[in-house]
Amino acid sequence: MATKKTYQPSKLKRARTHGFLVRMKSPSGANIIQARRRKGRAVLAVTPTKKRVTTK
C-alpha cells in the first residue's frame, strides 16, 4: 500500500485558512495584508472564487 501525497488541493480549505477575513482577524494577519498593500500586490489574500478585480 503506497502512501498518499500530502497536498490534497481544495479551494475552500485554502480560503478558510489563508483568506482575507481570516487574515484580518488577528493583528499579525492584518500586518500581512498591510505589507502586501504597501508592496502593491494585485492579490492581497486567497479568494474562494475567481472574483479578482484587475485594474489597468
Protein backbone atom coordinates (compact mmCIF):
# COMPACT_ATOMS: atom_id res chain seq x y z
CA MET A 1 0.00 0.00 0.00
CA ALA A 2 1.53 3.27 -1.14
CA THR A 3 1.40 6.39 0.98
CA LYS A 4 -0.73 9.23 -0.32
CA LYS A 5 0.70 12.61 -1.27
CA THR A 6 0.41 15.20 1.48
CA TYR A 7 -1.00 18.05 -0.64
CA GLN A 8 -4.66 17.45 -1.50
CA PRO A 9 -5.79 20.76 -3.06
CA SER A 10 -9.12 22.28 -2.04
CA LYS A 11 -10.05 25.89 -2.85
CA LEU A 12 -12.44 26.10 0.09
CA LYS A 13 -9.93 24.82 2.67
CA ARG A 14 -7.29 27.16 1.25
CA ALA A 15 -9.61 30.16 1.54
CA ARG A 16 -10.65 29.26 5.09
CA THR A 17 -7.02 29.01 6.17
CA HIS A 18 -5.38 31.83 4.18
CA GLY A 19 -8.34 34.02 3.21
CA PHE A 20 -8.78 37.76 3.71
CA LEU A 21 -11.23 37.54 6.62
CA VAL A 22 -9.01 35.06 8.48
CA ARG A 23 -6.00 37.36 7.99
CA MET A 24 -7.93 40.38 9.30
CA LYS A 25 -8.98 38.57 12.49
CA SER A 26 -5.51 38.73 14.05
CA PRO A 27 -3.15 41.69 14.35
CA SER A 28 -0.32 39.78 12.66
CA GLY A 29 -2.61 38.78 9.79
CA ALA A 30 -3.66 42.41 9.35
CA ASN A 31 0.04 43.28 9.19
CA ILE A 32 0.45 40.81 6.32
CA ILE A 33 -2.41 42.45 4.39
CA GLN A 34 -0.93 45.89 5.12
CA ALA A 35 2.50 44.80 3.89
CA ARG A 36 1.01 43.38 0.69
CA ARG A 37 -0.87 46.66 0.09
CA ARG A 38 2.36 48.64 0.65
CA LYS A 39 4.20 46.42 -1.80
CA GLY A 40 1.47 46.93 -4.39
CA ARG A 41 0.32 43.33 -4.67
CA ALA A 42 -2.63 42.79 -7.03
CA VAL A 43 -3.81 39.88 -4.87
CA LEU A 44 -3.91 40.58 -1.13
CA ALA A 45 -5.17 37.18 0.01
CA VAL A 46 -6.60 33.92 -1.27
CA THR A 47 -10.19 34.15 -2.51
CA PRO A 48 -12.58 31.18 -2.72
CA THR A 49 -13.74 32.13 -6.23
CA LYS A 50 -12.28 33.93 -9.24
CA LYS A 51 -13.71 37.32 -8.19
CA ARG A 52 -10.45 39.22 -8.55
CA VAL A 53 -10.60 42.81 -9.69
CA THR A 54 -7.85 43.85 -12.06
CA THR A 55 -7.10 47.49 -12.75
CA LYS A 56 -5.18 48.89 -15.68
